[in-house]
Amino acid sequence: MQKKQIIYIIVISILLLVFAGPNLLIKWASTNKTYEAIIDIPKNRVGLLLGTSKYVSKGQINLYYKYRIDAAVELYNAGKIEFILISGDNGQIEYNEPKTIRDDLIKYGIPNSKIYLDYAGFRTWDSIIRAKKVFGESEFTVISQKFHNQRAIFIGMRSKMKLVGFNAKDVPKNYGSKTRLREIFARIKLILDILINKQPKYLGSTIEIK
């Protein structure tokens, strides 16, 4: 075998390890921990609703947002969760994901007293770690699309948390292509975050959900 061929094989192997490895590891670790049907998912006291922007281009409703809201309402109404912790980005005064989501949940009949807000959920990593370190929750249901729940559960396992995911309805393939591409790199970065023991951007005083 020529030297160039050996180098080519090594490069391809490294690329496969970097890009495919994290994806396979996260999928394997979250096997049987995400649920599609409300009847199958175990009950938890708290559901962590992972935030996203309400609108996309031209003022249209973001389907990821809409379907996560629907999933949270379904879980609560079925008695599968008692409280909803909303974690999202509030890095700018004019942009407040948790408050926007809370207002919509209230419109669907969720009592305000059952909703808690985490304004420093800038990344999924921050949302999961803060749920434990700030809100004192180590066992809860994550609410998002399946690919997102898988990554959240993997983060929780790293921190010795017991998480399950309720999968919100996914979006059409042509709608979510950019998000799926970003997810590839998000999974790679997650492994790097674990290796360097990255901490959330903010922690702060503890808040009890009760």
C-alpha atoms as a PDB file:
ATOM      1  CA  MET A   1       0.000   0.000   0.000  1.00  0.00           C
ATOM      2  CA  GLN A   2       1.370   3.388  -0.999  1.00  0.00           C
ATOM      3  CA  LYS A   3       2.106   6.089   1.538  1.00  0.00           C
ATOM      4  CA  LYS A   4      -0.548   8.395   0.049  1.00  0.00           C
ATOM      5  CA  GLN A   5      -3.181   5.693   0.414  1.00  0.00           C
ATOM      6  CA  ILE A   6      -2.262   5.141   4.057  1.00  0.00           C
ATOM      7  CA  ILE A   7      -2.515   8.883   4.768  1.00  0.00           C
ATOM      8  CA  TYR A   8      -5.857   8.990   2.969  1.00  0.00           C
ATOM      9  CA  ILE A   9      -7.219   6.126   5.087  1.00  0.00           C
ATOM     10  CA  ILE A  10      -5.974   7.768   8.289  1.00  0.00           C
ATOM     11  CA  VAL A  11      -7.575  11.100   7.401  1.00  0.00           C
ATOM     12  CA  ILE A  12     -10.898   9.476   6.514  1.00  0.00           C
ATOM     13  CA  SER A  13     -10.835   7.453   9.745  1.00  0.00           C
ATOM     14  CA  ILE A  14     -10.214  10.573  11.821  1.00  0.00           C
ATOM     15  CA  LEU A  15     -13.039  12.436  10.075  1.00  0.00           C
ATOM     16  CA  LEU A  16     -15.426   9.548  10.659  1.00  0.00           C
ATOM     17  CA  LEU A  17     -14.427   9.409  14.315  1.00  0.00           C
ATOM     18  CA  VAL A  18     -14.893  13.164  14.782  1.00  0.00           C
ATOM     19  CA  PHE A  19     -18.201  13.514  12.931  1.00  0.00           C
ATOM     20  CA  ALA A  20     -19.874  10.132  13.397  1.00  0.00           C
ATOM     21  CA  GLY A  21     -18.493   9.164  16.807  1.00  0.00           C
ATOM     22  CA  PRO A  22     -20.339  11.729  18.969  1.00  0.00           C
ATOM     23  CA  ASN A  23     -23.590  11.123  17.104  1.00  0.00           C
ATOM     24  CA  LEU A  24     -23.455   7.358  17.604  1.00  0.00           C
ATOM     25  CA  LEU A  25     -22.416   7.717  21.239  1.00  0.00           C
ATOM     26  CA  ILE A  26     -25.281  10.108  22.061  1.00  0.00           C
ATOM     27  CA  LYS A  27     -27.851   7.948  20.268  1.00  0.00           C
ATOM     28  CA  TRP A  28     -26.641   4.842  22.076  1.00  0.00           C
ATOM     29  CA  ALA A  29     -26.651   6.507  25.494  1.00  0.00           C
ATOM     30  CA  SER A  30     -30.224   7.786  25.068  1.00  0.00           C
ATOM     31  CA  THR A  31     -31.672   4.492  23.805  1.00  0.00           C
ATOM     32  CA  ASN A  32     -35.068   3.750  25.419  1.00  0.00           C
ATOM     33  CA  LYS A  33     -34.990   7.088  27.241  1.00  0.00           C
ATOM     34  CA  THR A  34     -37.098   9.136  24.831  1.00  0.00           C
ATOM     35  CA  TYR A  35     -40.822   8.649  24.297  1.00  0.00           C
ATOM     36  CA  GLU A  36     -43.293   9.439  21.537  1.00  0.00           C
ATOM     37  CA  ALA A  37     -46.545   8.350  23.225  1.00  0.00           C
ATOM     38  CA  ILE A  38     -47.917  10.077  26.307  1.00  0.00           C
ATOM     39  CA  ILE A  39     -49.181   6.776  27.694  1.00  0.00           C
ATOM     40  CA  ASP A  40     -45.693   5.240  27.751  1.00  0.00           C
ATOM     41  CA  ILE A  41     -43.638   7.971  29.387  1.00  0.00           C
ATOM     42  CA  PRO A  42     -43.097   7.716  33.159  1.00  0.00           C
ATOM     43  CA  LYS A  43     -44.363  10.483  35.403  1.00  0.00           C
ATOM     44  CA  ASN A  44     -41.925  13.094  36.721  1.00  0.00           C
ATOM     45  CA  ARG A  45     -42.554  16.040  38.993  1.00  0.00           C
ATOM     46  CA  VAL A  46     -40.859  18.520  36.657  1.00  0.00           C
ATOM     47  CA  GLY A  47     -40.735  18.922  32.900  1.00  0.00           C
ATOM     48  CA  LEU A  48     -37.873  20.974  31.455  1.00  0.00           C
ATOM     49  CA  LEU A  49     -39.064  22.771  28.333  1.00  0.00           C
ATOM     50  CA  LEU A  50     -36.088  23.785  26.201  1.00  0.00           C
ATOM     51  CA  GLY A  51     -36.575  27.168  24.602  1.00  0.00           C
ATOM     52  CA  THR A  52     -36.257  28.398  21.064  1.00  0.00           C
ATOM     53  CA  SER A  53     -37.359  31.505  19.201  1.00  0.00           C
ATOM     54  CA  LYS A  54     -41.093  31.882  18.558  1.00  0.00           C
ATOM     55  CA  TYR A  55     -40.722  33.314  15.069  1.00  0.00           C
ATOM     56  CA  VAL A  56     -38.606  32.590  12.023  1.00  0.00           C
ATOM     57  CA  SER A  57     -38.171  34.699   8.905  1.00  0.00           C
ATOM     58  CA  LYS A  58     -41.063  36.896   7.754  1.00  0.00           C
ATOM     59  CA  GLY A  59     -42.736  36.657  11.147  1.00  0.00           C
ATOM     60  CA  GLN A  60     -43.895  33.066  10.707  1.00  0.00           C
ATOM     61  CA  ILE A  61     -44.292  30.842  13.752  1.00  0.00           C
ATOM     62  CA  ASN A  62     -41.302  28.584  14.347  1.00  0.00           C
ATOM     63  CA  LEU A  63     -42.613  25.018  14.131  1.00  0.00           C
ATOM     64  CA  TYR A  64     -40.009  23.806  16.609  1.00  0.00           C
ATOM     65  CA  TYR A  65     -41.471  26.307  19.070  1.00  0.00           C
ATOM     66  CA  LYS A  66     -45.098  25.434  18.357  1.00  0.00           C
ATOM     67  CA  TYR A  67     -44.599  21.696  18.685  1.00  0.00           C
ATOM     68  CA  ARG A  68     -42.659  22.032  21.952  1.00  0.00           C
ATOM     69  CA  ILE A  69     -45.481  24.103  23.411  1.00  0.00           C
ATOM     70  CA  ASP A  70     -47.984  21.452  22.299  1.00  0.00           C
ATOM     71  CA  ALA A  71     -45.882  18.689  23.879  1.00  0.00           C
ATOM     72  CA  ALA A  72     -45.567  20.508  27.218  1.00  0.00           C
ATOM     73  CA  VAL A  73     -49.316  21.144  27.376  1.00  0.00           C
ATOM     74  CA  GLU A  74     -50.045  17.509  26.535  1.00  0.00           C
ATOM     75  CA  LEU A  75     -47.711  16.257  29.277  1.00  0.00           C
ATOM     76  CA  TYR A  76     -49.195  18.568  31.892  1.00  0.00           C
ATOM     77  CA  ASN A  77     -52.815  17.853  31.000  1.00  0.00           C
ATOM     78  CA  ALA A  78     -52.132  14.112  31.125  1.00  0.00           C
ATOM     79  CA  GLY A  79     -50.742  14.435  34.655  1.00  0.00           C
ATOM     80  CA  LYS A  80     -47.275  13.284  33.571  1.00  0.00           C
ATOM     81  CA  ILE A  81     -45.629  16.402  35.032  1.00  0.00           C
ATOM     82  CA  GLU A  82     -46.657  18.798  37.828  1.00  0.00           C
ATOM     83  CA  PHE A  83     -44.389  21.757  37.055  1.00  0.00           C
ATOM     84  CA  ILE A  84     -42.829  23.202  33.912  1.00  0.00           C
ATOM     85  CA  LEU A  85     -39.358  24.724  34.046  1.00  0.00           C
ATOM     86  CA  ILE A  86     -38.762  26.843  30.942  1.00  0.00           C
ATOM     87  CA  SER A  87     -35.109  27.335  30.071  1.00  0.00           C
ATOM     88  CA  GLY A  88     -34.121  29.732  27.333  1.00  0.00           C
ATOM     89  CA  ASP A  89     -32.159  32.752  26.193  1.00  0.00           C
ATOM     90  CA  ASN A  90     -32.692  36.164  27.758  1.00  0.00           C
ATOM     91  CA  GLY A  91     -29.323  37.614  26.866  1.00  0.00           C
ATOM     92  CA  GLN A  92     -30.875  40.823  25.525  1.00  0.00           C
ATOM     93  CA  ILE A  93     -33.624  43.024  26.947  1.00  0.00           C
ATOM     94  CA  GLU A  94     -35.717  42.775  23.794  1.00  0.00           C
ATOM     95  CA  TYR A  95     -35.369  38.989  23.510  1.00  0.00           C
ATOM     96  CA  ASN A  96     -36.886  36.854  26.252  1.00  0.00           C
ATOM     97  CA  GLU A  97     -37.568  33.227  25.331  1.00  0.00           C
ATOM     98  CA  PRO A  98     -38.749  32.011  28.782  1.00  0.00           C
ATOM     99  CA  LYS A  99     -41.289  34.820  29.229  1.00  0.00           C
ATOM    100  CA  THR A 100     -42.657  34.393  25.704  1.00  0.00           C
ATOM    101  CA  ILE A 101     -43.087  30.657  26.221  1.00  0.00           C
ATOM    102  CA  ARG A 102     -44.691  31.166  29.645  1.00  0.00           C
ATOM    103  CA  ASP A 103     -47.239  33.581  28.208  1.00  0.00           C
ATOM    104  CA  ASP A 104     -48.228  31.043  25.564  1.00  0.00           C
ATOM    105  CA  LEU A 105     -48.466  28.195  28.075  1.00  0.00           C
ATOM    106  CA  ILE A 106     -50.796  30.306  30.207  1.00  0.00           C
ATOM    107  CA  LYS A 107     -52.986  30.873  27.136  1.00  0.00           C
ATOM    108  CA  TYR A 108     -53.317  27.086  26.932  1.00  0.00           C
ATOM    109  CA  GLY A 109     -54.500  26.920  30.524  1.00  0.00           C
ATOM    110  CA  ILE A 110     -51.283  26.098  32.405  1.00  0.00           C
ATOM    111  CA  PRO A 111     -51.401  27.932  35.781  1.00  0.00           C
ATOM    112  CA  ASN A 112     -48.677  30.530  36.246  1.00  0.00           C
ATOM    113  CA  SER A 113     -47.956  29.028  39.679  1.00  0.00           C
ATOM    114  CA  LYS A 114     -46.868  25.808  37.969  1.00  0.00           C
ATOM    115  CA  ILE A 115     -44.338  27.522  35.706  1.00  0.00           C
ATOM    116  CA  TYR A 116     -40.747  28.410  36.597  1.00  0.00           C
ATOM    117  CA  LEU A 117     -38.348  30.370  34.402  1.00  0.00           C
ATOM    118  CA  ASP A 118     -34.637  29.921  33.799  1.00  0.00           C
ATOM    119  CA  TYR A 119     -33.431  33.032  31.991  1.00  0.00           C
ATOM    120  CA  ALA A 120     -29.848  31.794  31.570  1.00  0.00           C
ATOM    121  CA  GLY A 121     -30.444  28.756  29.380  1.00  0.00           C
ATOM    122  CA  PHE A 122     -28.236  30.101  26.615  1.00  0.00           C
ATOM    123  CA  ARG A 123     -27.293  26.594  25.492  1.00  0.00           C
ATOM    124  CA  THR A 124     -28.662  23.125  26.131  1.00  0.00           C
ATOM    125  CA  TRP A 125     -25.578  22.478  28.247  1.00  0.00           C
ATOM    126  CA  ASP A 126     -26.440  25.432  30.499  1.00  0.00           C
ATOM    127  CA  SER A 127     -30.112  24.435  30.710  1.00  0.00           C
ATOM    128  CA  ILE A 128     -29.405  20.912  31.934  1.00  0.00           C
ATOM    129  CA  ILE A 129     -26.620  21.766  34.368  1.00  0.00           C
ATOM    130  CA  ARG A 130     -28.551  24.724  35.812  1.00  0.00           C
ATOM    131  CA  ALA A 131     -31.630  22.536  36.301  1.00  0.00           C
ATOM    132  CA  LYS A 132     -29.547  20.572  38.780  1.00  0.00           C
ATOM    133  CA  LYS A 133     -27.267  23.191  40.313  1.00  0.00           C
ATOM    134  CA  VAL A 134     -29.722  26.100  40.484  1.00  0.00           C
ATOM    135  CA  PHE A 135     -33.151  24.457  40.629  1.00  0.00           C
ATOM    136  CA  GLY A 136     -32.107  21.310  42.500  1.00  0.00           C
ATOM    137  CA  GLU A 137     -33.618  18.848  40.009  1.00  0.00           C
ATOM    138  CA  SER A 138     -31.766  15.659  39.087  1.00  0.00           C
ATOM    139  CA  GLU A 139     -34.688  13.627  37.759  1.00  0.00           C
ATOM    140  CA  PHE A 140     -37.063  15.182  35.251  1.00  0.00           C
ATOM    141  CA  THR A 141     -38.570  15.047  31.763  1.00  0.00           C
ATOM    142  CA  VAL A 142     -36.948  17.008  28.947  1.00  0.00           C
ATOM    143  CA  ILE A 143     -39.355  18.436  26.367  1.00  0.00           C
ATOM    144  CA  SER A 144     -38.077  19.092  22.858  1.00  0.00           C
ATOM    145  CA  GLN A 145     -37.633  17.315  19.526  1.00  0.00           C
ATOM    146  CA  LYS A 146     -36.044  13.856  19.671  1.00  0.00           C
ATOM    147  CA  PHE A 147     -32.570  14.858  18.429  1.00  0.00           C
ATOM    148  CA  HIS A 148     -32.472  17.610  21.054  1.00  0.00           C
ATOM    149  CA  ASN A 149     -33.732  15.344  23.831  1.00  0.00           C
ATOM    150  CA  GLN A 150     -31.028  12.803  23.022  1.00  0.00           C
ATOM    151  CA  ARG A 151     -28.296  15.378  23.506  1.00  0.00           C
ATOM    152  CA  ALA A 152     -29.908  16.724  26.695  1.00  0.00           C
ATOM    153  CA  ILE A 153     -30.133  13.235  28.178  1.00  0.00           C
ATOM    154  CA  PHE A 154     -26.471  12.607  27.392  1.00  0.00           C
ATOM    155  CA  ILE A 155     -25.529  15.817  29.217  1.00  0.00           C
ATOM    156  CA  GLY A 156     -27.601  14.685  32.178  1.00  0.00           C
ATOM    157  CA  MET A 157     -25.909  11.285  32.292  1.00  0.00           C
ATOM    158  CA  ARG A 158     -22.544  13.009  32.474  1.00  0.00           C
ATOM    159  CA  SER A 159     -23.806  14.813  35.607  1.00  0.00           C
ATOM    160  CA  LYS A 160     -25.362  11.676  37.132  1.00  0.00           C
ATOM    161  CA  MET A 161     -28.903  12.841  36.426  1.00  0.00           C
ATOM    162  CA  LYS A 162     -31.845  10.600  35.592  1.00  0.00           C
ATOM    163  CA  LEU A 163     -33.613  12.091  32.592  1.00  0.00           C
ATOM    164  CA  VAL A 164     -36.183  10.999  30.064  1.00  0.00           C
ATOM    165  CA  GLY A 165     -37.335  12.916  27.006  1.00  0.00           C
ATOM    166  CA  PHE A 166     -40.810  13.522  25.610  1.00  0.00           C
ATOM    167  CA  ASN A 167     -40.403  14.012  21.898  1.00  0.00           C
ATOM    168  CA  ALA A 168     -42.267  16.949  20.465  1.00  0.00           C
ATOM    169  CA  LYS A 169     -43.486  16.530  16.897  1.00  0.00           C
ATOM    170  CA  ASP A 170     -40.631  16.909  14.443  1.00  0.00           C
ATOM    171  CA  VAL A 171     -40.672  19.376  11.570  1.00  0.00           C
ATOM    172  CA  PRO A 172     -40.606  18.481   7.831  1.00  0.00           C
ATOM    173  CA  LYS A 173     -37.138  17.564   6.539  1.00  0.00           C
ATOM    174  CA  ASN A 174     -36.892  20.532   4.186  1.00  0.00           C
ATOM    175  CA  TYR A 175     -37.923  22.866   7.037  1.00  0.00           C
ATOM    176  CA  GLY A 176     -35.301  21.754   9.562  1.00  0.00           C
ATOM    177  CA  SER A 177     -32.254  21.091   7.363  1.00  0.00           C
ATOM    178  CA  LYS A 178     -30.169  23.921   8.860  1.00  0.00           C
ATOM    179  CA  THR A 179     -31.010  22.846  12.391  1.00  0.00           C
ATOM    180  CA  ARG A 180     -30.008  19.258  11.642  1.00  0.00           C
ATOM    181  CA  LEU A 181     -26.700  20.446  10.230  1.00  0.00           C
ATOM    182  CA  ARG A 182     -26.042  22.518  13.355  1.00  0.00           C
ATOM    183  CA  GLU A 183     -26.857  19.491  15.482  1.00  0.00           C
ATOM    184  CA  ILE A 184     -23.896  17.599  14.011  1.00  0.00           C
ATOM    185  CA  PHE A 185     -21.504  20.258  15.268  1.00  0.00           C
ATOM    186  CA  ALA A 186     -23.400  20.669  18.551  1.00  0.00           C
ATOM    187  CA  ARG A 187     -22.763  17.003  19.311  1.00  0.00           C
ATOM    188  CA  ILE A 188     -19.075  17.350  18.549  1.00  0.00           C
ATOM    189  CA  LYS A 189     -18.860  20.410  20.777  1.00  0.00           C
ATOM    190  CA  LEU A 190     -20.658  18.553  23.552  1.00  0.00           C
ATOM    191  CA  ILE A 191     -17.858  15.992  23.716  1.00  0.00           C
ATOM    192  CA  LEU A 192     -15.315  18.812  23.899  1.00  0.00           C
ATOM    193  CA  ASP A 193     -17.315  20.504  26.687  1.00  0.00           C
ATOM    194  CA  ILE A 194     -17.245  17.284  28.675  1.00  0.00           C
ATOM    195  CA  LEU A 195     -13.510  16.877  28.181  1.00  0.00           C
ATOM    196  CA  ILE A 196     -12.766  20.376  29.495  1.00  0.00           C
ATOM    197  CA  ASN A 197     -15.488  20.177  32.187  1.00  0.00           C
ATOM    198  CA  LYS A 198     -17.166  23.338  30.924  1.00  0.00           C
ATOM    199  CA  GLN A 199     -19.429  25.203  33.336  1.00  0.00           C
ATOM    200  CA  PRO A 200     -22.606  27.197  32.562  1.00  0.00           C
ATOM    201  CA  LYS A 201     -22.180  30.877  31.781  1.00  0.00           C
ATOM    202  CA  TYR A 202     -24.124  31.784  34.924  1.00  0.00           C
ATOM    203  CA  LEU A 203     -25.181  29.897  38.048  1.00  0.00           C
ATOM    204  CA  GLY A 204     -26.452  32.022  40.948  1.00  0.00           C
ATOM    205  CA  SER A 205     -28.709  31.466  43.947  1.00  0.00           C
ATOM    206  CA  THR A 206     -30.709  28.270  44.215  1.00  0.00           C
ATOM    207  CA  ILE A 207     -34.430  28.265  43.408  1.00  0.00           C
ATOM    208  CA  GLU A 208     -36.743  25.558  44.747  1.00  0.00           C
ATOM    209  CA  ILE A 209     -39.547  24.314  42.524  1.00  0.00           C
ATOM    210  CA  LYS A 210     -42.557  23.758  44.779  1.00  0.00           C
END
